[in-house]
């Protein structure tokens, strides 16, 4: 996957609450189900991400730019 693809995946984590929660359980499964093709190295890096931090950032985003808002 290209850097652009990784950026799209990370953007989706920030703007789609349901997707973020699925990815937190299994990044590989979430990618597969949504059509993201990440390399093994990219998946390993994402597994290492702090999903609590991503969730905190997502909560700060304006709900108008989010796919599913908990607000």
PDB file of N, CA and C in Angstrom:
ATOM      1  N   UNK A   1       0.845  -1.170   0.000  1.00  0.00           N
ATOM      2  CA  UNK A   1       0.000   0.000   0.000  1.00  0.00           C
ATOM      3  C   UNK A   1       0.892   1.235   0.000  1.00  0.00           C
ATOM      4  N   UNK A   2       0.421   2.234  -0.592  1.00  0.00           N
ATOM      5  CA  UNK A   2       1.163   3.490  -0.673  1.00  0.00           C
ATOM      6  C   UNK A   2       0.982   4.309   0.601  1.00  0.00           C
ATOM      7  N   UNK A   3       1.807   5.322   0.744  1.00  0.00           N
ATOM      8  CA  UNK A   3       1.655   6.242   1.871  1.00  0.00           C
ATOM      9  C   UNK A   3       0.263   6.860   1.850  1.00  0.00           C
ATOM     10  N   UNK A   4      -0.226   7.133   0.661  1.00  0.00           N
ATOM     11  CA  UNK A   4      -1.571   7.706   0.540  1.00  0.00           C
ATOM     12  C   UNK A   4      -2.621   6.759   1.132  1.00  0.00           C
ATOM     13  N   UNK A   5      -2.455   5.476   0.884  1.00  0.00           N
ATOM     14  CA  UNK A   5      -3.391   4.486   1.433  1.00  0.00           C
ATOM     15  C   UNK A   5      -3.344   4.424   2.944  1.00  0.00           C
ATOM     16  N   UNK A   6      -2.151   4.478   3.502  1.00  0.00           N
ATOM     17  CA  UNK A   6      -2.007   4.482   4.959  1.00  0.00           C
ATOM     18  C   UNK A   6      -2.675   5.728   5.531  1.00  0.00           C
ATOM     19  N   UNK A   7      -2.472   6.861   4.880  1.00  0.00           N
ATOM     20  CA  UNK A   7      -3.080   8.098   5.347  1.00  0.00           C
ATOM     21  C   UNK A   7      -4.605   8.023   5.293  1.00  0.00           C
ATOM     22  N   UNK A   8      -5.153   7.406   4.256  1.00  0.00           N
ATOM     23  CA  UNK A   8      -6.602   7.240   4.160  1.00  0.00           C
ATOM     24  C   UNK A   8      -7.108   6.358   5.295  1.00  0.00           C
ATOM     25  N   UNK A   9      -6.376   5.283   5.574  1.00  0.00           N
ATOM     26  CA  UNK A   9      -6.758   4.386   6.663  1.00  0.00           C
ATOM     27  C   UNK A   9      -6.747   5.123   8.003  1.00  0.00           C
ATOM     28  N   UNK A  10      -5.679   5.881   8.258  1.00  0.00           N
ATOM     29  CA  UNK A  10      -5.582   6.626   9.516  1.00  0.00           C
ATOM     30  C   UNK A  10      -6.670   7.699   9.596  1.00  0.00           C
ATOM     31  N   UNK A  11      -6.960   8.342   8.481  1.00  0.00           N
ATOM     32  CA  UNK A  11      -8.041   9.323   8.450  1.00  0.00           C
ATOM     33  C   UNK A  11      -9.372   8.688   8.770  1.00  0.00           C
ATOM     34  N   UNK A  12      -9.583   7.505   8.261  1.00  0.00           N
ATOM     35  CA  UNK A  12     -10.834   6.784   8.541  1.00  0.00           C
ATOM     36  C   UNK A  12     -10.926   6.440  10.022  1.00  0.00           C
ATOM     37  N   UNK A  13      -9.785   6.073  10.628  1.00  0.00           N
ATOM     38  CA  UNK A  13      -9.788   5.804  12.067  1.00  0.00           C
ATOM     39  C   UNK A  13     -10.253   7.022  12.863  1.00  0.00           C
ATOM     40  N   UNK A  14      -9.886   8.202  12.400  1.00  0.00           N
ATOM     41  CA  UNK A  14     -10.250   9.426  13.105  1.00  0.00           C
ATOM     42  C   UNK A  14     -11.686   9.865  12.862  1.00  0.00           C
ATOM     43  N   UNK A  15     -12.229   9.550  11.714  1.00  0.00           N
ATOM     44  CA  UNK A  15     -13.538  10.101  11.349  1.00  0.00           C
ATOM     45  C   UNK A  15     -14.686   9.104  11.375  1.00  0.00           C
ATOM     46  N   UNK A  16     -14.399   7.848  11.645  1.00  0.00           N
ATOM     47  CA  UNK A  16     -15.445   6.815  11.643  1.00  0.00           C
ATOM     48  C   UNK A  16     -15.327   6.009  12.935  1.00  0.00           C
ATOM     49  N   UNK A  17     -16.185   6.340  13.897  1.00  0.00           N
ATOM     50  CA  UNK A  17     -16.112   5.704  15.213  1.00  0.00           C
ATOM     51  C   UNK A  17     -16.278   4.192  15.141  1.00  0.00           C
ATOM     52  N   UNK A  18     -17.247   3.719  14.388  1.00  0.00           N
ATOM     53  CA  UNK A  18     -17.491   2.277  14.300  1.00  0.00           C
ATOM     54  C   UNK A  18     -16.285   1.562  13.684  1.00  0.00           C
ATOM     55  N   UNK A  19     -15.728   2.130  12.637  1.00  0.00           N
ATOM     56  CA  UNK A  19     -14.551   1.533  12.006  1.00  0.00           C
ATOM     57  C   UNK A  19     -13.378   1.493  12.984  1.00  0.00           C
ATOM     58  N   UNK A  20     -13.190   2.585  13.725  1.00  0.00           N
ATOM     59  CA  UNK A  20     -12.093   2.645  14.683  1.00  0.00           C
ATOM     60  C   UNK A  20     -12.224   1.538  15.724  1.00  0.00           C
ATOM     61  N   UNK A  21     -13.411   1.288  16.200  1.00  0.00           N
ATOM     62  CA  UNK A  21     -13.611   0.249  17.205  1.00  0.00           C
ATOM     63  C   UNK A  21     -13.381  -1.147  16.623  1.00  0.00           C
ATOM     64  N   UNK A  22     -13.774  -1.354  15.378  1.00  0.00           N
ATOM     65  CA  UNK A  22     -13.480  -2.646  14.727  1.00  0.00           C
ATOM     66  C   UNK A  22     -11.985  -2.814  14.552  1.00  0.00           C
ATOM     67  N   UNK A  23     -11.321  -1.744  14.124  1.00  0.00           N
ATOM     68  CA  UNK A  23      -9.881  -1.807  13.884  1.00  0.00           C
ATOM     69  C   UNK A  23      -9.107  -2.002  15.176  1.00  0.00           C
ATOM     70  N   UNK A  24      -9.611  -1.459  16.257  1.00  0.00           N
ATOM     71  CA  UNK A  24      -8.937  -1.627  17.541  1.00  0.00           C
ATOM     72  C   UNK A  24      -8.897  -3.102  17.930  1.00  0.00           C
ATOM     73  N   UNK A  25      -9.954  -3.823  17.647  1.00  0.00           N
ATOM     74  CA  UNK A  25     -10.005  -5.263  17.935  1.00  0.00           C
ATOM     75  C   UNK A  25      -9.100  -6.044  17.005  1.00  0.00           C
ATOM     76  N   UNK A  26      -9.122  -5.695  15.733  1.00  0.00           N
ATOM     77  CA  UNK A  26      -8.301  -6.399  14.746  1.00  0.00           C
ATOM     78  C   UNK A  26      -8.067  -5.506  13.534  1.00  0.00           C
ATOM     79  N   UNK A  27      -6.928  -4.821  13.496  1.00  0.00           N
ATOM     80  CA  UNK A  27      -6.635  -3.975  12.344  1.00  0.00           C
ATOM     81  C   UNK A  27      -6.659  -4.745  11.024  1.00  0.00           C
ATOM     82  N   UNK A  28      -6.134  -5.958  11.031  1.00  0.00           N
ATOM     83  CA  UNK A  28      -6.087  -6.751   9.796  1.00  0.00           C
ATOM     84  C   UNK A  28      -7.488  -7.076   9.302  1.00  0.00           C
ATOM     85  N   UNK A  29      -8.367  -7.493  10.201  1.00  0.00           N
ATOM     86  CA  UNK A  29      -9.742  -7.804   9.799  1.00  0.00           C
ATOM     87  C   UNK A  29     -10.476  -6.567   9.313  1.00  0.00           C
ATOM     88  N   UNK A  30     -10.306  -5.456  10.013  1.00  0.00           N
ATOM     89  CA  UNK A  30     -10.966  -4.208   9.601  1.00  0.00           C
ATOM     90  C   UNK A  30     -10.502  -3.796   8.208  1.00  0.00           C
ATOM     91  N   UNK A  31      -9.202  -3.909   7.963  1.00  0.00           N
ATOM     92  CA  UNK A  31      -8.660  -3.561   6.643  1.00  0.00           C
ATOM     93  C   UNK A  31      -9.242  -4.468   5.566  1.00  0.00           C
ATOM     94  N   UNK A  32      -9.240  -5.754   5.839  1.00  0.00           N
ATOM     95  CA  UNK A  32      -9.742  -6.719   4.864  1.00  0.00           C
ATOM     96  C   UNK A  32     -11.205  -6.463   4.541  1.00  0.00           C
ATOM     97  N   UNK A  33     -12.018  -6.240   5.565  1.00  0.00           N
ATOM     98  CA  UNK A  33     -13.450  -6.025   5.365  1.00  0.00           C
ATOM     99  C   UNK A  33     -13.753  -4.735   4.615  1.00  0.00           C
ATOM    100  N   UNK A  34     -12.903  -3.726   4.760  1.00  0.00           N
ATOM    101  CA  UNK A  34     -13.137  -2.420   4.138  1.00  0.00           C
ATOM    102  C   UNK A  34     -12.326  -2.185   2.874  1.00  0.00           C
ATOM    103  N   UNK A  35     -11.522  -3.172   2.474  1.00  0.00           N
ATOM    104  CA  UNK A  35     -10.799  -3.062   1.217  1.00  0.00           C
ATOM    105  C   UNK A  35      -9.464  -2.351   1.279  1.00  0.00           C
ATOM    106  N   UNK A  36      -8.936  -2.130   2.474  1.00  0.00           N
ATOM    107  CA  UNK A  36      -7.604  -1.551   2.613  1.00  0.00           C
ATOM    108  C   UNK A  36      -6.586  -2.685   2.513  1.00  0.00           C
ATOM    109  N   UNK A  37      -5.586  -2.508   1.677  1.00  0.00           N
ATOM    110  CA  UNK A  37      -4.556  -3.527   1.507  1.00  0.00           C
ATOM    111  C   UNK A  37      -3.259  -3.009   2.093  1.00  0.00           C
ATOM    112  N   UNK A  38      -3.042  -3.287   3.352  1.00  0.00           N
ATOM    113  CA  UNK A  38      -1.831  -2.834   4.026  1.00  0.00           C
ATOM    114  C   UNK A  38      -0.811  -3.965   4.056  1.00  0.00           C
ATOM    115  N   UNK A  39       0.441  -3.597   4.002  1.00  0.00           N
ATOM    116  CA  UNK A  39       1.508  -4.596   4.079  1.00  0.00           C
ATOM    117  C   UNK A  39       1.623  -5.104   5.517  1.00  0.00           C
ATOM    118  N   UNK A  40       2.343  -6.188   5.689  1.00  0.00           N
ATOM    119  CA  UNK A  40       2.579  -6.741   7.022  1.00  0.00           C
ATOM    120  C   UNK A  40       3.230  -5.690   7.918  1.00  0.00           C
ATOM    121  N   UNK A  41       4.204  -4.973   7.372  1.00  0.00           N
ATOM    122  CA  UNK A  41       4.895  -3.942   8.145  1.00  0.00           C
ATOM    123  C   UNK A  41       3.947  -2.827   8.562  1.00  0.00           C
ATOM    124  N   UNK A  42       3.067  -2.425   7.663  1.00  0.00           N
ATOM    125  CA  UNK A  42       2.106  -1.373   7.979  1.00  0.00           C
ATOM    126  C   UNK A  42       1.133  -1.837   9.056  1.00  0.00           C
ATOM    127  N   UNK A  43       0.657  -3.074   8.940  1.00  0.00           N
ATOM    128  CA  UNK A  43      -0.247  -3.608   9.957  1.00  0.00           C
ATOM    129  C   UNK A  43       0.438  -3.702  11.310  1.00  0.00           C
ATOM    130  N   UNK A  44       1.689  -4.096  11.324  1.00  0.00           N
ATOM    131  CA  UNK A  44       2.429  -4.164  12.584  1.00  0.00           C
ATOM    132  C   UNK A  44       2.543  -2.775  13.208  1.00  0.00           C
ATOM    133  N   UNK A  45       2.798  -1.786  12.398  1.00  0.00           N
ATOM    134  CA  UNK A  45       2.909  -0.418  12.898  1.00  0.00           C
ATOM    135  C   UNK A  45       1.569   0.068  13.445  1.00  0.00           C
ATOM    136  N   UNK A  46       0.496  -0.268  12.781  1.00  0.00           N
ATOM    137  CA  UNK A  46      -0.831   0.146  13.225  1.00  0.00           C
ATOM    138  C   UNK A  46      -1.219  -0.579  14.501  1.00  0.00           C
ATOM    139  N   UNK A  47      -0.869  -1.837  14.627  1.00  0.00           N
ATOM    140  CA  UNK A  47      -1.142  -2.555  15.867  1.00  0.00           C
ATOM    141  C   UNK A  47      -0.456  -1.869  17.040  1.00  0.00           C
ATOM    142  N   UNK A  48       0.676  -1.251  16.770  1.00  0.00           N
ATOM    143  CA  UNK A  48       1.413  -0.568  17.817  1.00  0.00           C
ATOM    144  C   UNK A  48       0.851   0.804  18.148  1.00  0.00           C
ATOM    145  N   UNK A  49      -0.067   1.276  17.337  1.00  0.00           N
ATOM    146  CA  UNK A  49      -0.644   2.600  17.593  1.00  0.00           C
ATOM    147  C   UNK A  49      -1.430   2.585  18.893  1.00  0.00           C
ATOM    148  N   UNK A  50      -1.473   3.690  19.511  1.00  0.00           N
ATOM    149  CA  UNK A  50      -2.224   3.856  20.749  1.00  0.00           C
ATOM    150  C   UNK A  50      -3.657   4.257  20.392  1.00  0.00           C
ATOM    151  N   UNK A  51      -4.557   3.266  20.370  1.00  0.00           N
ATOM    152  CA  UNK A  51      -5.935   3.543  19.964  1.00  0.00           C
ATOM    153  C   UNK A  51      -6.647   4.474  20.941  1.00  0.00           C
ATOM    154  N   UNK A  52      -6.234   4.472  22.192  1.00  0.00           N
ATOM    155  CA  UNK A  52      -6.829   5.412  23.146  1.00  0.00           C
ATOM    156  C   UNK A  52      -6.498   6.843  22.738  1.00  0.00           C
ATOM    157  N   UNK A  53      -5.288   7.080  22.262  1.00  0.00           N
ATOM    158  CA  UNK A  53      -4.895   8.414  21.817  1.00  0.00           C
ATOM    159  C   UNK A  53      -5.665   8.792  20.553  1.00  0.00           C
ATOM    160  N   UNK A  54      -5.799   7.866  19.629  1.00  0.00           N
ATOM    161  CA  UNK A  54      -6.554   8.126  18.396  1.00  0.00           C
ATOM    162  C   UNK A  54      -8.000   8.457  18.750  1.00  0.00           C
ATOM    163  N   UNK A  55      -8.562   7.708  19.701  1.00  0.00           N
ATOM    164  CA  UNK A  55      -9.933   7.955  20.128  1.00  0.00           C
ATOM    165  C   UNK A  55     -10.061   9.348  20.748  1.00  0.00           C
ATOM    166  N   UNK A  56      -9.088   9.736  21.544  1.00  0.00           N
ATOM    167  CA  UNK A  56      -9.111  11.075  22.163  1.00  0.00           C
ATOM    168  C   UNK A  56      -9.093  12.170  21.109  1.00  0.00           C
ATOM    169  N   UNK A  57      -8.250  12.003  20.109  1.00  0.00           N
ATOM    170  CA  UNK A  57      -8.183  12.990  19.028  1.00  0.00           C
ATOM    171  C   UNK A  57      -9.505  13.029  18.267  1.00  0.00           C
ATOM    172  N   UNK A  58     -10.067  11.850  17.990  1.00  0.00           N
ATOM    173  CA  UNK A  58     -11.323  11.774  17.248  1.00  0.00           C
ATOM    174  C   UNK A  58     -12.448  12.496  17.985  1.00  0.00           C
ATOM    175  N   UNK A  59     -12.442  12.422  19.294  1.00  0.00           N
ATOM    176  CA  UNK A  59     -13.480  13.097  20.092  1.00  0.00           C
ATOM    177  C   UNK A  59     -13.393  14.616  19.967  1.00  0.00           C
ATOM    178  N   UNK A  60     -12.219  15.117  19.649  1.00  0.00           N
ATOM    179  CA  UNK A  60     -12.022  16.562  19.511  1.00  0.00           C
ATOM    180  C   UNK A  60     -12.475  17.101  18.157  1.00  0.00           C
ATOM    181  N   UNK A  61     -12.643  16.214  17.190  1.00  0.00           N
ATOM    182  CA  UNK A  61     -13.032  16.646  15.846  1.00  0.00           C
ATOM    183  C   UNK A  61     -14.488  17.096  15.820  1.00  0.00           C
ATOM    184  N   UNK A  62     -14.752  18.075  15.010  1.00  0.00           N
ATOM    185  CA  UNK A  62     -16.108  18.557  14.806  1.00  0.00           C
ATOM    186  C   UNK A  62     -16.948  17.420  14.223  1.00  0.00           C
ATOM    187  N   UNK A  63     -18.111  17.186  14.787  1.00  0.00           N
ATOM    188  CA  UNK A  63     -18.963  16.080  14.341  1.00  0.00           C
ATOM    189  C   UNK A  63     -19.388  16.209  12.880  1.00  0.00           C
ATOM    190  N   UNK A  64     -19.310  17.396  12.317  1.00  0.00           N
ATOM    191  CA  UNK A  64     -19.710  17.574  10.915  1.00  0.00           C
ATOM    192  C   UNK A  64     -18.734  16.934   9.939  1.00  0.00           C
ATOM    193  N   UNK A  65     -17.514  16.637  10.385  1.00  0.00           N
ATOM    194  CA  UNK A  65     -16.552  15.995   9.482  1.00  0.00           C
ATOM    195  C   UNK A  65     -16.384  14.516   9.791  1.00  0.00           C
ATOM    196  N   UNK A  66     -17.189  14.011  10.726  1.00  0.00           N
ATOM    197  CA  UNK A  66     -17.087  12.619  11.098  1.00  0.00           C
ATOM    198  C   UNK A  66     -18.196  11.809  10.438  1.00  0.00           C
ATOM    199  N   UNK A  67     -17.869  10.578  10.134  1.00  0.00           N
ATOM    200  CA  UNK A  67     -18.841   9.688   9.527  1.00  0.00           C
ATOM    201  C   UNK A  67     -19.907   9.281  10.544  1.00  0.00           C
ATOM    202  N   UNK A  68     -19.464   8.867  11.719  1.00  0.00           N
ATOM    203  CA  UNK A  68     -20.360   8.461  12.799  1.00  0.00           C
ATOM    204  C   UNK A  68     -19.893   9.163  14.061  1.00  0.00           C
ATOM    205  N   UNK A  69     -20.691  10.039  14.564  1.00  0.00           N
ATOM    206  CA  UNK A  69     -20.307  10.813  15.737  1.00  0.00           C
ATOM    207  C   UNK A  69     -21.026  10.299  16.963  1.00  0.00           C
ATOM    208  N   UNK A  70     -20.300  10.240  18.063  1.00  0.00           N
ATOM    209  CA  UNK A  70     -20.903   9.854  19.335  1.00  0.00           C
ATOM    210  C   UNK A  70     -21.483  11.062  20.055  1.00  0.00           C
ATOM    211  N   UNK A  71     -21.316  12.230  19.492  1.00  0.00           N
ATOM    212  CA  UNK A  71     -21.737  13.467  20.185  1.00  0.00           C
ATOM    213  C   UNK A  71     -23.201  13.506  20.497  1.00  0.00           C
TER     214      UNK A  71
END
